[in-house]
């Protein structure tokens, strides 16, 4: 039997638990900010990852977002139905799929960026890192 003291130690020290709770709280904050656009924080991240000079492959976007391809594909479908992105076969290798923003996707990103900037600044201020957020990002990226 695991003693209750171990439960308390895990509750107070578990990096997994604390990072999941923080990630959920941050996502809720961004979800609320993007609500007027009927956009979730994860959808914003997907759309922003497509804002490139050349359409990326599905695999490269999945890698960037830390998602598997199946999960990314499922998350693309509602955005594609809304007309915010397009999924097309690669011209040189038909096995690859390329993802690109539509005009509507670029428009919603333009509307979302000021909401992101405001929320990002608010979170950095709340964390006390407004002057130097790079340390936290670096530490988080080291884990990814």
N, C-alpha and C. Protein backbone atom coordinates (compact mmCIF):
# COMPACT_ATOMS: atom_id res chain seq x y z
N UNK A 1 0.84 -1.18 0.00
CA UNK A 1 0.00 0.00 0.00
C UNK A 1 0.89 1.25 0.00
N UNK A 2 0.49 2.23 -0.77
CA UNK A 2 1.24 3.48 -0.83
C UNK A 2 0.76 4.38 0.31
N UNK A 3 1.67 4.86 1.12
CA UNK A 3 1.25 5.71 2.24
C UNK A 3 0.73 7.07 1.75
N UNK A 4 -0.16 7.64 2.53
CA UNK A 4 -0.74 8.94 2.20
C UNK A 4 0.33 10.02 2.11
N UNK A 5 1.40 9.89 2.87
CA UNK A 5 2.49 10.88 2.79
C UNK A 5 3.10 10.92 1.39
N UNK A 6 3.12 9.76 0.72
CA UNK A 6 3.62 9.72 -0.66
C UNK A 6 2.66 10.46 -1.58
N UNK A 7 1.37 10.31 -1.34
CA UNK A 7 0.37 11.03 -2.14
C UNK A 7 0.59 12.54 -2.02
N UNK A 8 0.82 12.99 -0.81
CA UNK A 8 1.06 14.42 -0.58
C UNK A 8 2.35 14.86 -1.26
N UNK A 9 3.41 14.03 -1.16
CA UNK A 9 4.68 14.37 -1.80
C UNK A 9 4.52 14.48 -3.31
N UNK A 10 3.81 13.53 -3.91
CA UNK A 10 3.57 13.59 -5.36
C UNK A 10 2.74 14.82 -5.70
N UNK A 11 1.68 15.05 -4.95
CA UNK A 11 0.82 16.22 -5.20
C UNK A 11 1.63 17.52 -5.17
N UNK A 12 2.54 17.62 -4.24
CA UNK A 12 3.28 18.87 -4.06
C UNK A 12 4.50 18.99 -4.97
N UNK A 13 5.02 17.88 -5.52
CA UNK A 13 6.29 17.92 -6.23
C UNK A 13 6.27 17.41 -7.66
N UNK A 14 5.21 16.76 -8.09
CA UNK A 14 5.19 16.10 -9.40
C UNK A 14 5.22 17.13 -10.54
N UNK A 15 6.30 17.10 -11.30
CA UNK A 15 6.43 18.01 -12.44
C UNK A 15 5.34 17.77 -13.48
N UNK A 16 4.97 16.53 -13.69
CA UNK A 16 3.93 16.21 -14.66
C UNK A 16 2.61 16.84 -14.25
N UNK A 17 2.20 16.63 -13.02
CA UNK A 17 0.95 17.20 -12.53
C UNK A 17 0.96 18.72 -12.62
N UNK A 18 2.03 19.34 -12.15
CA UNK A 18 2.07 20.81 -12.13
C UNK A 18 2.14 21.40 -13.54
N UNK A 19 2.87 20.74 -14.44
CA UNK A 19 2.94 21.26 -15.81
C UNK A 19 1.62 21.07 -16.54
N UNK A 20 0.92 19.95 -16.29
CA UNK A 20 -0.39 19.74 -16.91
C UNK A 20 -1.40 20.77 -16.41
N UNK A 21 -1.39 21.01 -15.12
CA UNK A 21 -2.33 22.00 -14.56
C UNK A 21 -2.04 23.39 -15.13
N UNK A 22 -0.76 23.74 -15.22
CA UNK A 22 -0.39 25.04 -15.78
C UNK A 22 -0.78 25.13 -17.25
N UNK A 23 -0.52 24.07 -18.01
CA UNK A 23 -0.86 24.07 -19.44
C UNK A 23 -2.37 24.23 -19.64
N UNK A 24 -3.16 23.56 -18.82
CA UNK A 24 -4.61 23.69 -18.93
C UNK A 24 -5.07 25.10 -18.59
N UNK A 25 -4.49 25.69 -17.55
CA UNK A 25 -4.87 27.05 -17.16
C UNK A 25 -4.49 28.05 -18.25
N UNK A 26 -3.32 27.89 -18.83
CA UNK A 26 -2.89 28.78 -19.91
C UNK A 26 -3.79 28.62 -21.12
N UNK A 27 -4.10 27.38 -21.48
CA UNK A 27 -4.99 27.12 -22.63
C UNK A 27 -6.36 27.75 -22.40
N UNK A 28 -6.90 27.62 -21.17
CA UNK A 28 -8.20 28.23 -20.87
C UNK A 28 -8.15 29.75 -21.04
N UNK A 29 -7.05 30.34 -20.62
CA UNK A 29 -6.89 31.80 -20.74
C UNK A 29 -6.91 32.22 -22.22
N UNK A 30 -6.17 31.50 -23.05
CA UNK A 30 -6.16 31.82 -24.48
C UNK A 30 -7.49 31.46 -25.14
N UNK A 31 -8.11 30.35 -24.72
CA UNK A 31 -9.43 30.00 -25.26
C UNK A 31 -10.42 31.14 -25.02
N UNK A 32 -10.39 31.69 -23.83
CA UNK A 32 -11.28 32.81 -23.50
C UNK A 32 -10.97 34.04 -24.37
N UNK A 33 -9.71 34.31 -24.58
CA UNK A 33 -9.32 35.46 -25.40
C UNK A 33 -9.79 35.29 -26.84
N UNK A 34 -9.70 34.06 -27.37
CA UNK A 34 -10.06 33.80 -28.77
C UNK A 34 -11.55 33.51 -28.97
N UNK A 35 -12.31 33.44 -27.89
CA UNK A 35 -13.74 33.10 -27.98
C UNK A 35 -14.50 33.99 -28.97
N UNK A 36 -14.26 35.31 -29.01
CA UNK A 36 -15.01 36.13 -29.98
C UNK A 36 -14.80 35.71 -31.44
N UNK A 37 -13.71 35.00 -31.69
CA UNK A 37 -13.41 34.54 -33.05
C UNK A 37 -13.84 33.09 -33.26
N UNK A 38 -14.49 32.49 -32.25
CA UNK A 38 -14.87 31.08 -32.29
C UNK A 38 -13.66 30.21 -32.61
N UNK A 39 -12.59 30.47 -31.87
CA UNK A 39 -11.32 29.80 -32.09
C UNK A 39 -10.78 29.33 -30.74
N UNK A 40 -10.21 28.15 -30.71
CA UNK A 40 -9.56 27.62 -29.52
C UNK A 40 -8.05 27.87 -29.62
N UNK A 41 -7.39 27.82 -28.48
CA UNK A 41 -5.95 28.07 -28.45
C UNK A 41 -5.19 27.10 -29.35
N UNK A 42 -5.57 25.84 -29.33
CA UNK A 42 -4.90 24.86 -30.20
C UNK A 42 -5.11 25.15 -31.67
N UNK A 43 -6.30 25.63 -32.02
CA UNK A 43 -6.58 25.98 -33.41
C UNK A 43 -5.74 27.19 -33.84
N UNK A 44 -5.59 28.15 -32.93
CA UNK A 44 -4.72 29.29 -33.21
C UNK A 44 -3.30 28.81 -33.50
N UNK A 45 -2.80 27.89 -32.67
CA UNK A 45 -1.44 27.37 -32.87
C UNK A 45 -1.30 26.68 -34.22
N UNK A 46 -2.31 25.92 -34.60
CA UNK A 46 -2.27 25.25 -35.90
C UNK A 46 -2.25 26.28 -37.02
N UNK A 47 -3.16 27.23 -36.98
CA UNK A 47 -3.21 28.24 -38.04
C UNK A 47 -1.91 29.04 -38.10
N UNK A 48 -1.38 29.42 -36.94
CA UNK A 48 -0.14 30.19 -36.93
C UNK A 48 1.01 29.38 -37.50
N UNK A 49 1.00 28.06 -37.26
CA UNK A 49 2.07 27.21 -37.78
C UNK A 49 2.03 27.12 -39.31
N UNK A 50 0.91 27.48 -39.91
CA UNK A 50 0.78 27.46 -41.37
C UNK A 50 1.14 28.79 -42.01
N UNK A 51 1.36 29.80 -41.21
CA UNK A 51 1.66 31.15 -41.70
C UNK A 51 3.14 31.21 -42.11
N UNK A 52 3.43 30.63 -43.26
CA UNK A 52 4.79 30.52 -43.78
C UNK A 52 4.80 30.89 -45.25
N UNK A 53 5.98 31.21 -45.75
CA UNK A 53 6.06 31.55 -47.20
C UNK A 53 5.66 30.38 -48.10
N UNK A 54 5.99 29.15 -47.68
CA UNK A 54 5.65 27.96 -48.45
C UNK A 54 4.81 27.03 -47.59
N UNK A 55 3.78 26.39 -48.16
CA UNK A 55 2.94 25.48 -47.38
C UNK A 55 3.75 24.32 -46.79
N UNK A 56 3.69 24.13 -45.48
CA UNK A 56 4.43 23.04 -44.85
C UNK A 56 3.73 21.69 -45.06
N UNK A 57 4.48 20.63 -44.83
CA UNK A 57 3.88 19.30 -44.87
C UNK A 57 3.15 19.04 -43.56
N UNK A 58 2.21 18.12 -43.62
CA UNK A 58 1.49 17.72 -42.43
C UNK A 58 2.47 17.23 -41.36
N UNK A 59 3.46 16.45 -41.77
CA UNK A 59 4.44 15.91 -40.83
C UNK A 59 5.25 16.99 -40.13
N UNK A 60 5.67 18.01 -40.87
CA UNK A 60 6.47 19.07 -40.24
C UNK A 60 5.64 19.88 -39.25
N UNK A 61 4.36 20.08 -39.55
CA UNK A 61 3.48 20.79 -38.62
C UNK A 61 3.24 19.94 -37.37
N UNK A 62 3.02 18.64 -37.56
CA UNK A 62 2.84 17.75 -36.41
C UNK A 62 4.07 17.79 -35.51
N UNK A 63 5.26 17.76 -36.10
CA UNK A 63 6.49 17.82 -35.31
C UNK A 63 6.60 19.14 -34.56
N UNK A 64 6.33 20.24 -35.22
CA UNK A 64 6.40 21.55 -34.59
C UNK A 64 5.47 21.64 -33.38
N UNK A 65 4.26 21.12 -33.54
CA UNK A 65 3.25 21.22 -32.49
C UNK A 65 3.35 20.10 -31.45
N UNK A 66 4.25 19.14 -31.67
CA UNK A 66 4.39 18.04 -30.73
C UNK A 66 3.18 17.12 -30.72
N UNK A 67 2.57 16.95 -31.89
CA UNK A 67 1.38 16.10 -32.03
C UNK A 67 1.70 14.95 -32.97
N UNK A 68 0.96 13.86 -32.82
CA UNK A 68 1.09 12.82 -33.83
C UNK A 68 0.21 13.20 -35.02
N UNK A 69 0.49 12.60 -36.16
CA UNK A 69 -0.21 12.98 -37.40
C UNK A 69 -1.71 12.72 -37.33
N UNK A 70 -2.10 11.64 -36.67
CA UNK A 70 -3.52 11.31 -36.56
C UNK A 70 -4.27 12.38 -35.78
N UNK A 71 -3.69 12.82 -34.68
CA UNK A 71 -4.32 13.86 -33.86
C UNK A 71 -4.38 15.18 -34.63
N UNK A 72 -3.28 15.52 -35.32
CA UNK A 72 -3.28 16.75 -36.11
C UNK A 72 -4.34 16.67 -37.20
N UNK A 73 -4.44 15.56 -37.90
CA UNK A 73 -5.43 15.41 -38.96
C UNK A 73 -6.85 15.64 -38.42
N UNK A 74 -7.13 15.07 -37.25
CA UNK A 74 -8.45 15.26 -36.64
C UNK A 74 -8.68 16.73 -36.28
N UNK A 75 -7.64 17.42 -35.86
CA UNK A 75 -7.77 18.83 -35.49
C UNK A 75 -7.85 19.76 -36.71
N UNK A 76 -7.38 19.28 -37.84
CA UNK A 76 -7.44 20.09 -39.07
C UNK A 76 -8.86 20.13 -39.64
N UNK A 77 -9.59 19.05 -39.49
CA UNK A 77 -10.90 18.92 -40.15
C UNK A 77 -11.86 20.07 -39.85
N UNK A 78 -12.07 20.48 -38.58
CA UNK A 78 -13.00 21.59 -38.35
C UNK A 78 -12.50 22.91 -38.96
N UNK A 79 -11.19 23.11 -38.98
CA UNK A 79 -10.64 24.33 -39.57
C UNK A 79 -10.78 24.31 -41.09
N UNK A 80 -10.64 23.13 -41.66
CA UNK A 80 -10.83 22.98 -43.11
C UNK A 80 -12.30 23.20 -43.47
N UNK A 81 -13.21 22.64 -42.65
CA UNK A 81 -14.65 22.84 -42.90
C UNK A 81 -15.03 24.32 -42.80
N UNK A 82 -14.37 25.05 -41.92
CA UNK A 82 -14.63 26.49 -41.78
C UNK A 82 -14.00 27.30 -42.91
N UNK A 83 -13.23 26.65 -43.74
CA UNK A 83 -12.59 27.34 -44.86
C UNK A 83 -11.37 28.14 -44.46
N UNK A 84 -10.73 27.76 -43.34
CA UNK A 84 -9.57 28.51 -42.86
C UNK A 84 -8.25 27.96 -43.36
N UNK A 85 -8.26 26.71 -43.80
CA UNK A 85 -7.05 26.10 -44.34
C UNK A 85 -7.43 25.12 -45.43
N UNK A 86 -6.41 24.75 -46.19
CA UNK A 86 -6.59 23.82 -47.30
C UNK A 86 -5.52 22.73 -47.16
N UNK A 87 -5.92 21.50 -47.40
CA UNK A 87 -5.01 20.36 -47.40
C UNK A 87 -4.90 19.89 -48.84
N UNK A 88 -3.66 19.86 -49.36
CA UNK A 88 -3.45 19.49 -50.77
C UNK A 88 -2.29 18.51 -50.87
N UNK A 89 -2.33 17.65 -51.89
CA UNK A 89 -1.17 16.77 -52.10
C UNK A 89 0.03 17.60 -52.57
N UNK A 90 1.21 17.15 -52.19
CA UNK A 90 2.45 17.80 -52.63
C UNK A 90 2.59 17.59 -54.14
N UNK A 91 3.05 18.62 -54.84
CA UNK A 91 3.16 18.53 -56.30
C UNK A 91 4.21 17.53 -56.75
N UNK A 92 5.28 17.37 -55.96
CA UNK A 92 6.37 16.48 -56.36
C UNK A 92 6.22 15.07 -55.79
N UNK A 93 5.64 14.96 -54.61
CA UNK A 93 5.48 13.66 -53.96
C UNK A 93 4.04 13.55 -53.48
N UNK A 94 3.19 12.88 -54.24
CA UNK A 94 1.75 12.81 -53.96
C UNK A 94 1.43 12.13 -52.63
N UNK A 95 2.42 11.47 -52.02
CA UNK A 95 2.18 10.84 -50.71
C UNK A 95 2.14 11.88 -49.59
N UNK A 96 2.79 13.01 -49.81
CA UNK A 96 2.83 14.08 -48.80
C UNK A 96 1.64 15.01 -48.95
N UNK A 97 1.18 15.52 -47.82
CA UNK A 97 0.11 16.52 -47.86
C UNK A 97 0.66 17.84 -47.37
N UNK A 98 0.32 18.89 -48.08
CA UNK A 98 0.73 20.25 -47.74
C UNK A 98 -0.47 20.99 -47.16
N UNK A 99 -0.19 21.84 -46.19
CA UNK A 99 -1.23 22.61 -45.51
C UNK A 99 -1.02 24.09 -45.79
N UNK A 100 -2.09 24.77 -46.16
CA UNK A 100 -1.96 26.20 -46.43
C UNK A 100 -3.17 26.95 -45.89
N UNK A 101 -2.92 28.18 -45.50
CA UNK A 101 -4.00 29.06 -45.06
C UNK A 101 -4.79 29.55 -46.27
N UNK A 102 -6.06 29.70 -46.08
CA UNK A 102 -6.90 30.37 -47.08
C UNK A 102 -6.92 31.85 -46.74
N UNK A 103 -7.55 32.65 -47.57
CA UNK A 103 -7.70 34.08 -47.25
C UNK A 103 -8.44 34.25 -45.93
N UNK A 104 -9.48 33.43 -45.71
CA UNK A 104 -10.23 33.50 -44.45
C UNK A 104 -9.34 33.12 -43.27
N UNK A 105 -8.45 32.16 -43.46
CA UNK A 105 -7.52 31.78 -42.41
C UNK A 105 -6.55 32.90 -42.08
N UNK A 106 -6.05 33.57 -43.11
CA UNK A 106 -5.15 34.71 -42.88
C UNK A 106 -5.89 35.85 -42.18
N UNK A 107 -7.15 36.05 -42.54
CA UNK A 107 -7.95 37.11 -41.91
C UNK A 107 -8.18 36.83 -40.43
N UNK A 108 -8.52 35.59 -40.10
CA UNK A 108 -8.79 35.28 -38.69
C UNK A 108 -7.50 35.37 -37.88
N UNK A 109 -6.37 35.00 -38.47
CA UNK A 109 -5.10 35.16 -37.78
C UNK A 109 -4.81 36.63 -37.49
N UNK A 110 -5.08 37.47 -38.48
CA UNK A 110 -4.86 38.92 -38.29
C UNK A 110 -5.72 39.44 -37.14
N UNK A 111 -6.93 38.93 -37.00
CA UNK A 111 -7.80 39.32 -35.89
C UNK A 111 -7.34 38.71 -34.56
N UNK A 112 -6.74 37.53 -34.62
CA UNK A 112 -6.35 36.81 -33.40
C UNK A 112 -5.04 37.32 -32.80
N UNK A 113 -4.13 37.81 -33.63
CA UNK A 113 -2.81 38.20 -33.12
C UNK A 113 -2.89 39.25 -32.02
N UNK A 114 -3.69 40.32 -32.16
CA UNK A 114 -3.76 41.27 -31.04
C UNK A 114 -4.31 40.64 -29.75
N UNK A 115 -5.23 39.70 -29.87
CA UNK A 115 -5.75 38.99 -28.70
C UNK A 115 -4.65 38.14 -28.08
N UNK A 116 -3.86 37.49 -28.92
CA UNK A 116 -2.74 36.70 -28.43
C UNK A 116 -1.72 37.60 -27.72
N UNK A 117 -1.38 38.72 -28.35
CA UNK A 117 -0.37 39.62 -27.76
C UNK A 117 -0.81 40.10 -26.37
N UNK A 118 -2.05 40.48 -26.24
CA UNK A 118 -2.57 40.97 -24.97
C UNK A 118 -2.53 39.87 -23.92
N UNK A 119 -3.01 38.69 -24.28
CA UNK A 119 -3.05 37.56 -23.34
C UNK A 119 -1.65 37.10 -22.98
N UNK A 120 -0.76 37.05 -23.94
CA UNK A 120 0.63 36.67 -23.70
C UNK A 120 1.27 37.62 -22.70
N UNK A 121 1.09 38.92 -22.91
CA UNK A 121 1.67 39.91 -22.00
C UNK A 121 1.07 39.77 -20.60
N UNK A 122 -0.22 39.52 -20.54
CA UNK A 122 -0.89 39.35 -19.25
C UNK A 122 -0.32 38.14 -18.50
N UNK A 123 -0.11 37.04 -19.19
CA UNK A 123 0.45 35.84 -18.56
C UNK A 123 1.90 36.06 -18.13
N UNK A 124 2.69 36.71 -18.98
CA UNK A 124 4.08 36.99 -18.61
C UNK A 124 4.13 37.88 -17.37
N UNK A 125 3.24 38.84 -17.29
CA UNK A 125 3.17 39.71 -16.11
C UNK A 125 2.76 38.91 -14.87
N UNK A 126 1.76 38.06 -15.00
CA UNK A 126 1.30 37.25 -13.87
C UNK A 126 2.38 36.30 -13.38
N UNK A 127 3.22 35.81 -14.28
CA UNK A 127 4.30 34.91 -13.91
C UNK A 127 5.53 35.67 -13.39
N UNK A 128 5.51 36.99 -13.52
CA UNK A 128 6.66 37.77 -13.10
C UNK A 128 7.84 37.65 -14.03
N UNK A 129 7.58 37.33 -15.30
CA UNK A 129 8.66 37.15 -16.27
C UNK A 129 8.57 38.15 -17.41
N UNK A 130 7.77 39.19 -17.22
CA UNK A 130 7.54 40.13 -18.32
C UNK A 130 8.84 40.68 -18.88
N UNK A 131 9.86 40.84 -18.05
CA UNK A 131 11.13 41.38 -18.53
C UNK A 131 12.03 40.35 -19.18
N UNK A 132 11.84 39.05 -18.86
CA UNK A 132 12.72 38.01 -19.38
C UNK A 132 12.00 36.67 -19.50
N UNK A 133 11.08 36.55 -20.44
CA UNK A 133 10.35 35.28 -20.59
C UNK A 133 11.16 34.18 -21.28
N UNK A 134 12.31 34.53 -21.84
CA UNK A 134 13.08 33.55 -22.60
C UNK A 134 13.59 32.40 -21.73
N UNK A 135 13.87 32.66 -20.47
CA UNK A 135 14.36 31.59 -19.57
C UNK A 135 13.30 30.50 -19.43
N UNK A 136 12.05 30.89 -19.17
CA UNK A 136 10.99 29.91 -19.02
C UNK A 136 10.80 29.13 -20.33
N UNK A 137 10.75 29.83 -21.44
CA UNK A 137 10.60 29.15 -22.74
C UNK A 137 11.75 28.17 -22.97
N UNK A 138 12.96 28.58 -22.65
CA UNK A 138 14.13 27.73 -22.84
C UNK A 138 14.02 26.48 -21.97
N UNK A 139 13.61 26.66 -20.72
CA UNK A 139 13.46 25.51 -19.82
C UNK A 139 12.38 24.56 -20.33
N UNK A 140 11.27 25.10 -20.79
CA UNK A 140 10.19 24.26 -21.31
C UNK A 140 10.62 23.54 -22.58
N UNK A 141 11.33 24.23 -23.46
CA UNK A 141 11.81 23.61 -24.70
C UNK A 141 12.82 22.52 -24.42
N UNK A 142 13.59 22.66 -23.35
CA UNK A 142 14.55 21.62 -23.00
C UNK A 142 13.83 20.31 -22.68
N UNK A 143 12.64 20.41 -22.14
CA UNK A 143 11.86 19.22 -21.82
C UNK A 143 11.18 18.63 -23.06
N UNK A 144 10.89 19.47 -24.02
CA UNK A 144 10.20 19.00 -25.23
C UNK A 144 11.19 18.25 -26.11
